[in-house]
PDB file of N, CA and C in Angstrom:
ATOM      1  N   MET A   1    -107.795 -31.999-159.745  1.00  0.00           N
ATOM      2  CA  MET A   1    -107.458 -32.808-160.948  1.00  0.00           C
ATOM      3  C   MET A   1    -108.630 -33.553-161.354  1.00  0.00           C
ATOM      4  N   ARG A   2    -109.081 -33.449-162.579  1.00  0.00           N
ATOM      5  CA  ARG A   2    -110.372 -34.128-163.109  1.00  0.00           C
ATOM      6  C   ARG A   2    -109.941 -35.378-163.714  1.00  0.00           C
ATOM      7  N   LYS A   3    -110.516 -36.546-163.051  1.00  0.00           N
ATOM      8  CA  LYS A   3    -110.092 -37.998-163.447  1.00  0.00           C
ATOM      9  C   LYS A   3    -111.429 -38.166-164.342  1.00  0.00           C
ATOM     10  N   ARG A   4    -112.520 -38.243-163.779  1.00  0.00           N
ATOM     11  CA  ARG A   4    -113.746 -38.317-164.408  1.00  0.00           C
ATOM     12  C   ARG A   4    -114.738 -37.362-164.414  1.00  0.00           C
ATOM     13  N   GLY A   5    -115.537 -37.067-165.376  1.00  0.00           N
ATOM     14  CA  GLY A   5    -116.676 -36.287-165.101  1.00  0.00           C
ATOM     15  C   GLY A   5    -116.298 -34.834-164.514  1.00  0.00           C
ATOM     16  N   GLY A   6    -117.300 -34.204-164.110  1.00  0.00           N
ATOM     17  CA  GLY A   6    -116.937 -32.821-163.523  1.00  0.00           C
ATOM     18  C   GLY A   6    -116.813 -31.759-164.435  1.00  0.00           C
ATOM     19  N   ALA A   7    -116.698 -30.746-163.899  1.00  0.00           N
ATOM     20  CA  ALA A   7    -116.488 -29.401-164.693  1.00  0.00           C
ATOM     21  C   ALA A   7    -114.982 -29.306-165.374  1.00  0.00           C
ATOM     22  N   ARG A   8    -114.871 -28.621-166.360  1.00  0.00           N
ATOM     23  CA  ARG A   8    -113.574 -28.577-167.095  1.00  0.00           C
ATOM     24  C   ARG A   8    -113.129 -27.374-166.393  1.00  0.00           C
ATOM     25  N   SER A   9    -111.736 -27.280-166.359  1.00  0.00           N
ATOM     26  CA  SER A   9    -110.911 -26.139-165.822  1.00  0.00           C
ATOM     27  C   SER A   9    -110.455 -25.357-166.655  1.00  0.00           C
ATOM     28  N   CYS A  10    -110.295 -23.933-166.227  1.00  0.00           N
ATOM     29  CA  CYS A  10    -109.683 -22.871-166.996  1.00  0.00           C
ATOM     30  C   CYS A  10    -108.172 -22.836-166.968  1.00  0.00           C
ATOM     31  N   TYR A  11    -107.682 -23.703-166.035  1.00  0.00           N
ATOM     32  CA  TYR A  11    -106.176 -23.656-165.778  1.00  0.00           C
ATOM     33  C   TYR A  11    -105.344 -25.097-165.989  1.00  0.00           C
ATOM     34  N   ASN A  12    -104.109 -24.916-166.560  1.00  0.00           N
ATOM     35  CA  ASN A  12    -103.265 -26.279-166.831  1.00  0.00           C
ATOM     36  C   ASN A  12    -102.967 -26.962-165.612  1.00  0.00           C
ATOM     37  N   LYS A  13    -102.498 -28.133-165.496  1.00  0.00           N
ATOM     38  CA  LYS A  13    -102.078 -28.860-164.416  1.00  0.00           C
ATOM     39  C   LYS A  13    -101.013 -27.932-163.280  1.00  0.00           C
ATOM     40  N   ASN A  14    -100.185 -27.065-164.119  1.00  0.00           N
ATOM     41  CA  ASN A  14     -99.490 -26.312-163.477  1.00  0.00           C
ATOM     42  C   ASN A  14     -99.897 -25.056-162.799  1.00  0.00           C
ATOM     43  N   GLY A  15    -101.124 -24.701-163.081  1.00  0.00           N
ATOM     44  CA  GLY A  15    -101.695 -23.519-162.498  1.00  0.00           C
ATOM     45  C   GLY A  15    -101.723 -22.577-163.440  1.00  0.00           C
ATOM     46  N   ALA A  16    -101.141 -22.587-164.457  1.00  0.00           N
ATOM     47  CA  ALA A  16    -101.109 -21.515-165.503  1.00  0.00           C
ATOM     48  C   ALA A  16    -102.612 -21.376-166.252  1.00  0.00           C
ATOM     49  N   PRO A  17    -102.977 -20.133-166.489  1.00  0.00           N
ATOM     50  CA  PRO A  17    -104.412 -20.050-167.182  1.00  0.00           C
ATOM     51  C   PRO A  17    -104.220 -20.759-168.623  1.00  0.00           C
ATOM     52  N   LYS A  18    -105.305 -21.451-169.050  1.00  0.00           N
ATOM     53  CA  LYS A  18    -105.259 -21.823-170.339  1.00  0.00           C
ATOM     54  C   LYS A  18    -105.580 -20.601-171.266  1.00  0.00           C
ATOM     55  N   ARG A  19    -104.988 -21.004-172.609  1.00  0.00           N
ATOM     56  CA  ARG A  19    -105.481 -19.960-173.702  1.00  0.00           C
ATOM     57  C   ARG A  19    -106.724 -19.836-174.014  1.00  0.00           C
ATOM     58  N   SER A  20    -107.429 -18.910-174.014  1.00  0.00           N
ATOM     59  CA  SER A  20    -108.943 -18.809-174.388  1.00  0.00           C
ATOM     60  C   SER A  20    -109.001 -17.947-175.764  1.00  0.00           C
ATOM     61  N   PHE A  21    -110.141 -18.481-176.532  1.00  0.00           N
ATOM     62  CA  PHE A  21    -110.509 -18.013-177.779  1.00  0.00           C
ATOM     63  C   PHE A  21    -111.998 -17.588-177.811  1.00  0.00           C
ATOM     64  N   ALA A  22    -112.109 -16.659-178.524  1.00  0.00           N
ATOM     65  CA  ALA A  22    -113.513 -15.741-178.579  1.00  0.00           C
ATOM     66  C   ALA A  22    -114.454 -16.691-179.286  1.00  0.00           C
ATOM     67  N   THR A  23    -114.131 -17.406-180.214  1.00  0.00           N
ATOM     68  CA  THR A  23    -115.137 -18.580-181.042  1.00  0.00           C
ATOM     69  C   THR A  23    -114.522 -19.722-181.116  1.00  0.00           C
ATOM     70  N   LYS A  24    -115.440 -20.594-181.360  1.00  0.00           N
ATOM     71  CA  LYS A  24    -115.206 -22.043-181.724  1.00  0.00           C
ATOM     72  C   LYS A  24    -114.127 -22.334-182.792  1.00  0.00           C
ATOM     73  N   LYS A  25    -114.341 -21.574-183.737  1.00  0.00           N
ATOM     74  CA  LYS A  25    -113.650 -21.662-185.060  1.00  0.00           C
ATOM     75  C   LYS A  25    -112.339 -21.119-184.789  1.00  0.00           C
ATOM     76  N   LEU A  26    -112.222 -19.930-184.068  1.00  0.00           N
ATOM     77  CA  LEU A  26    -110.657 -19.525-183.613  1.00  0.00           C
ATOM     78  C   LEU A  26    -109.851 -20.561-183.057  1.00  0.00           C
ATOM     79  N   ALA A  27    -110.690 -21.353-181.863  1.00  0.00           N
ATOM     80  CA  ALA A  27    -110.047 -22.512-181.173  1.00  0.00           C
ATOM     81  C   ALA A  27    -109.693 -23.466-182.063  1.00  0.00           C
ATOM     82  N   GLU A  28    -110.503 -23.989-182.965  1.00  0.00           N
ATOM     83  CA  GLU A  28    -110.117 -25.109-184.018  1.00  0.00           C
ATOM     84  C   GLU A  28    -108.999 -24.719-184.862  1.00  0.00           C
ATOM     85  N   ARG A  29    -108.987 -23.594-185.287  1.00  0.00           N
ATOM     86  CA  ARG A  29    -107.855 -23.221-186.043  1.00  0.00           C
ATOM     87  C   ARG A  29    -106.308 -23.224-185.381  1.00  0.00           C
ATOM     88  N   ALA A  30    -106.629 -23.204-184.066  1.00  0.00           N
ATOM     89  CA  ALA A  30    -105.286 -23.036-183.076  1.00  0.00           C
ATOM     90  C   ALA A  30    -104.767 -24.481-182.730  1.00  0.00           C
ATOM     91  N   ILE A  31    -105.425 -25.633-183.185  1.00  0.00           N
ATOM     92  CA  ILE A  31    -105.109 -26.781-182.990  1.00  0.00           C
ATOM     93  C   ILE A  31    -104.078 -27.314-183.976  1.00  0.00           C
ATOM     94  N   PRO A  32    -102.843 -27.704-183.698  1.00  0.00           N
ATOM     95  CA  PRO A  32    -101.774 -28.207-184.482  1.00  0.00           C
ATOM     96  C   PRO A  32    -102.221 -29.451-185.209  1.00  0.00           C
ATOM     97  N   LYS A  33    -101.700 -29.527-186.386  1.00  0.00           N
ATOM     98  CA  LYS A  33    -101.958 -30.577-187.195  1.00  0.00           C
ATOM     99  C   LYS A  33    -101.413 -31.960-186.582  1.00  0.00           C
ATOM    100  N   THR A  34    -100.367 -31.980-185.801  1.00  0.00           N
ATOM    101  CA  THR A  34     -99.955 -33.176-185.294  1.00  0.00           C
ATOM    102  C   THR A  34    -100.764 -33.658-183.776  1.00  0.00           C
ATOM    103  N   SER A  35    -101.525 -32.827-183.204  1.00  0.00           N
ATOM    104  CA  SER A  35    -102.169 -33.215-182.123  1.00  0.00           C
ATOM    105  C   SER A  35    -102.953 -34.400-182.271  1.00  0.00           C
ATOM    106  N   VAL A  36    -103.236 -35.040-181.042  1.00  0.00           N
ATOM    107  CA  VAL A  36    -104.535 -36.042-181.073  1.00  0.00           C
ATOM    108  C   VAL A  36    -105.409 -35.824-179.953  1.00  0.00           C
ATOM    109  N   ARG A  37    -106.605 -36.033-180.527  1.00  0.00           N
ATOM    110  CA  ARG A  37    -107.768 -35.772-179.685  1.00  0.00           C
ATOM    111  C   ARG A  37    -108.000 -34.368-178.856  1.00  0.00           C
ATOM    112  N   LEU A  38    -107.357 -33.374-179.628  1.00  0.00           N
ATOM    113  CA  LEU A  38    -107.547 -32.053-178.962  1.00  0.00           C
ATOM    114  C   LEU A  38    -108.554 -31.368-179.588  1.00  0.00           C
ATOM    115  N   ALA A  39    -109.610 -30.894-178.729  1.00  0.00           N
ATOM    116  CA  ALA A  39    -110.760 -30.233-179.406  1.00  0.00           C
ATOM    117  C   ALA A  39    -111.241 -28.945-178.339  1.00  0.00           C
ATOM    118  N   PRO A  40    -111.845 -28.185-178.946  1.00  0.00           N
ATOM    119  CA  PRO A  40    -112.192 -27.050-178.108  1.00  0.00           C
ATOM    120  C   PRO A  40    -113.558 -27.344-177.317  1.00  0.00           C
ATOM    121  N   TYR A  41    -113.560 -26.740-176.108  1.00  0.00           N
ATOM    122  CA  TYR A  41    -114.780 -26.850-175.317  1.00  0.00           C
ATOM    123  C   TYR A  41    -115.344 -25.475-174.822  1.00  0.00           C
ATOM    124  N   PRO A  42    -116.486 -25.164-174.515  1.00  0.00           N
ATOM    125  CA  PRO A  42    -117.003 -23.863-174.153  1.00  0.00           C
ATOM    126  C   PRO A  42    -116.718 -23.575-172.724  1.00  0.00           C
ATOM    127  N   CYS A  43    -116.450 -22.435-172.377  1.00  0.00           N
ATOM    128  CA  CYS A  43    -116.325 -21.776-171.036  1.00  0.00           C
ATOM    129  C   CYS A  43    -117.234 -20.710-170.787  1.00  0.00           C
ATOM    130  N   GLU A  44    -118.069 -20.631-169.697  1.00  0.00           N
ATOM    131  CA  GLU A  44    -118.700 -19.363-169.530  1.00  0.00           C
ATOM    132  C   GLU A  44    -117.944 -18.106-169.268  1.00  0.00           C
ATOM    133  N   LEU A  45    -116.860 -18.165-168.704  1.00  0.00           N
ATOM    134  CA  LEU A  45    -116.157 -17.169-168.386  1.00  0.00           C
ATOM    135  C   LEU A  45    -115.192 -16.542-169.466  1.00  0.00           C
ATOM    136  N   HIS A  46    -114.664 -17.399-170.325  1.00  0.00           N
ATOM    137  CA  HIS A  46    -113.579 -17.090-171.365  1.00  0.00           C
ATOM    138  C   HIS A  46    -114.006 -17.387-172.771  1.00  0.00           C
ATOM    139  N   GLY A  47    -115.090 -17.889-173.034  1.00  0.00           N
ATOM    140  CA  GLY A  47    -115.317 -18.224-174.742  1.00  0.00           C
ATOM    141  C   GLY A  47    -115.048 -19.780-174.821  1.00  0.00           C
ATOM    142  N   TRP A  48    -113.792 -20.082-175.105  1.00  0.00           N
ATOM    143  CA  TRP A  48    -113.551 -21.323-175.485  1.00  0.00           C
ATOM    144  C   TRP A  48    -111.959 -21.638-175.226  1.00  0.00           C
ATOM    145  N   HIS A  49    -111.803 -23.083-174.663  1.00  0.00           N
ATOM    146  CA  HIS A  49    -110.428 -23.466-174.550  1.00  0.00           C
ATOM    147  C   HIS A  49    -110.257 -24.624-175.223  1.00  0.00           C
ATOM    148  N   LEU A  50    -109.001 -25.115-175.339  1.00  0.00           N
ATOM    149  CA  LEU A  50    -108.676 -26.408-175.933  1.00  0.00           C
ATOM    150  C   LEU A  50    -108.441 -27.373-174.993  1.00  0.00           C
ATOM    151  N   GLY A  51    -108.895 -28.663-175.093  1.00  0.00           N
ATOM    152  CA  GLY A  51    -108.474 -29.715-174.178  1.00  0.00           C
ATOM    153  C   GLY A  51    -108.527 -31.130-174.888  1.00  0.00           C
ATOM    154  N   HIS A  52    -108.099 -32.007-174.174  1.00  0.00           N
ATOM    155  CA  HIS A  52    -107.970 -33.608-174.715  1.00  0.00           C
ATOM    156  C   HIS A  52    -109.340 -34.181-174.578  1.00  0.00           C
ATOM    157  N   ARG A  53    -110.137 -34.607-175.391  1.00  0.00           N
ATOM    158  CA  ARG A  53    -111.315 -35.380-175.364  1.00  0.00           C
ATOM    159  C   ARG A  53    -110.890 -36.927-175.069  1.00  0.00           C
ATOM    160  N   ARG A  54    -111.932 -37.490-174.455  1.00  0.00           N
ATOM    161  CA  ARG A  54    -111.592 -38.907-174.191  1.00  0.00           C
ATOM    162  C   ARG A  54    -111.994 -39.870-175.533  1.00  0.00           C
ATOM    163  N   GLY A  55    -111.386 -40.950-175.487  1.00  0.00           N
ATOM    164  CA  GLY A  55    -111.785 -42.134-176.583  1.00  0.00           C
ATOM    165  C   GLY A  55    -110.604 -41.975-177.381  1.00  0.00           C
TER     166      GLY A  55
END
C-alpha cells in the first residue's frame, strides 16, 4: 500500500487490476462528474489509469 511517494500501482486495494486507457483524453472522459480529485496518471505497461491525487 502506498502512503507517501513511491510508484503508483496497476491494482486496486482488493488486488483487482485497475481499468486502463489508451490515451489521457479517454481516461479523462471516464471520470464521473461527481468524483473528487480523480485524475489520470501514466503507466508504462498499460497507458493510463485513474487515481486520486493529493490535495
